[in-house]
């Protein structure tokens, strides 16, 4: 799992994520190689990552778990059953809790 430091508005966080995920880059000139752990990455990065753009809409009444369920229904393999999807959602929630604690205590 990668993490990015919190930065002020205009620092380029969204531009970097857009470039990595090949989103909204028609007006940009992008050159170079995408490397993961030093190895050239040939596939689309979206196969192993995802993010929510700043202007994406959320349904304010849904919980985090419900939003993750919605994403799991859209992104996970169709052969995955409900139990497997729920297990992955719980894993993601635990990872977020873990990294939130590390960030909070600057570990």
Protein backbone atom coordinates (compact mmCIF):
# COMPACT_ATOMS: atom_id res chain seq x y z
CA UNK A 1 0.00 0.00 0.00
CA UNK A 2 1.33 3.43 -0.93
CA UNK A 3 0.67 6.52 1.06
CA UNK A 4 1.07 10.16 0.19
CA UNK A 5 1.79 12.95 2.64
CA UNK A 6 -0.92 15.52 3.16
CA UNK A 7 -0.05 18.65 1.25
CA UNK A 8 -1.61 22.00 0.65
CA UNK A 9 -4.02 22.68 -2.17
CA UNK A 10 -2.31 23.03 -5.55
CA UNK A 11 0.65 20.80 -4.68
CA UNK A 12 -0.14 18.35 -7.50
CA UNK A 13 -1.56 15.37 -5.60
CA UNK A 14 -4.58 14.97 -7.88
CA UNK A 15 -2.48 15.54 -11.01
CA UNK A 16 -0.09 12.76 -9.94
CA UNK A 17 -2.96 10.34 -9.28
CA UNK A 18 -4.59 11.28 -12.60
CA UNK A 19 -1.34 10.56 -14.45
CA UNK A 20 -0.85 7.22 -12.68
CA UNK A 21 -4.43 6.17 -13.43
CA UNK A 22 -4.55 7.70 -16.95
CA UNK A 23 -7.50 9.96 -16.03
CA UNK A 24 -8.15 13.44 -17.41
CA UNK A 25 -4.70 13.81 -18.98
CA UNK A 26 -5.61 14.93 -22.51
CA UNK A 27 -4.23 18.41 -21.90
CA UNK A 28 -1.00 17.17 -20.26
CA UNK A 29 2.26 16.11 -21.84
CA UNK A 30 3.31 13.02 -19.90
CA UNK A 31 6.63 11.26 -20.55
CA UNK A 32 8.66 8.59 -18.82
CA UNK A 33 8.09 5.11 -17.43
CA UNK A 34 5.78 4.01 -14.65
CA UNK A 35 7.71 1.82 -12.25
CA UNK A 36 6.49 -0.18 -9.29
CA UNK A 37 9.24 -1.21 -6.87
CA UNK A 38 11.78 -0.31 -9.55
CA UNK A 39 10.26 -2.53 -12.23
CA UNK A 40 8.58 -1.13 -15.34
CA UNK A 41 4.82 -1.45 -15.01
CA UNK A 42 3.17 -2.41 -18.30
CA UNK A 43 -0.45 -2.93 -17.21
CA UNK A 44 -2.92 -0.24 -16.40
CA UNK A 45 -2.37 0.84 -12.81
CA UNK A 46 -6.14 0.74 -12.28
CA UNK A 47 -5.87 -3.06 -12.14
CA UNK A 48 -4.20 -2.75 -8.72
CA UNK A 49 -5.25 0.66 -7.42
CA UNK A 50 -8.03 3.16 -7.21
CA UNK A 51 -8.90 6.55 -5.83
CA UNK A 52 -11.81 8.91 -5.61
CA UNK A 53 -11.44 12.20 -7.44
CA UNK A 54 -12.13 15.39 -5.52
CA UNK A 55 -15.22 16.16 -7.52
CA UNK A 56 -16.78 12.69 -7.29
CA UNK A 57 -20.08 12.67 -5.49
CA UNK A 58 -20.86 10.71 -2.38
CA UNK A 59 -24.25 9.85 -1.05
CA UNK A 60 -24.11 11.55 2.33
CA UNK A 61 -26.29 9.00 4.06
CA UNK A 62 -24.10 6.00 3.24
CA UNK A 63 -21.53 4.71 5.71
CA UNK A 64 -17.91 4.03 4.75
CA UNK A 65 -18.72 0.32 4.71
CA UNK A 66 -21.66 0.93 2.35
CA UNK A 67 -19.47 2.98 0.00
CA UNK A 68 -16.87 0.20 0.02
CA UNK A 69 -19.61 -2.34 -0.73
CA UNK A 70 -20.70 -0.26 -3.71
CA UNK A 71 -17.09 -0.15 -4.98
CA UNK A 72 -16.65 -3.88 -4.37
CA UNK A 73 -19.74 -4.58 -6.48
CA UNK A 74 -18.31 -2.45 -9.31
CA UNK A 75 -14.65 -3.43 -9.20
CA UNK A 76 -14.28 -6.99 -7.92
CA UNK A 77 -14.45 -10.04 -10.16
CA UNK A 78 -18.02 -11.12 -10.88
CA UNK A 79 -17.28 -14.61 -9.59
CA UNK A 80 -16.58 -13.26 -6.08
CA UNK A 81 -19.43 -14.00 -3.72
CA UNK A 82 -20.93 -11.76 -1.06
CA UNK A 83 -18.85 -13.33 1.72
CA UNK A 84 -15.57 -12.79 -0.16
CA UNK A 85 -16.51 -9.17 -0.93
CA UNK A 86 -17.41 -8.51 2.71
CA UNK A 87 -14.11 -10.06 3.84
CA UNK A 88 -12.17 -7.75 1.51
CA UNK A 89 -14.14 -4.73 2.75
CA UNK A 90 -13.22 -5.61 6.35
CA UNK A 91 -9.55 -6.00 5.32
CA UNK A 92 -9.59 -2.53 3.74
CA UNK A 93 -11.21 -0.99 6.82
CA UNK A 94 -8.56 -2.60 9.06
CA UNK A 95 -5.75 -1.36 6.78
CA UNK A 96 -7.14 2.17 6.88
CA UNK A 97 -7.39 2.02 10.68
CA UNK A 98 -3.80 0.74 10.87
CA UNK A 99 -2.40 3.48 8.63
CA UNK A 100 -4.52 6.13 10.33
CA UNK A 101 -3.00 5.16 13.67
CA UNK A 102 0.51 5.20 12.17
CA UNK A 103 -0.13 8.64 10.66
CA UNK A 104 -1.62 10.00 13.89
CA UNK A 105 1.33 8.83 16.00
CA UNK A 106 3.86 9.62 13.23
CA UNK A 107 5.15 6.04 13.16
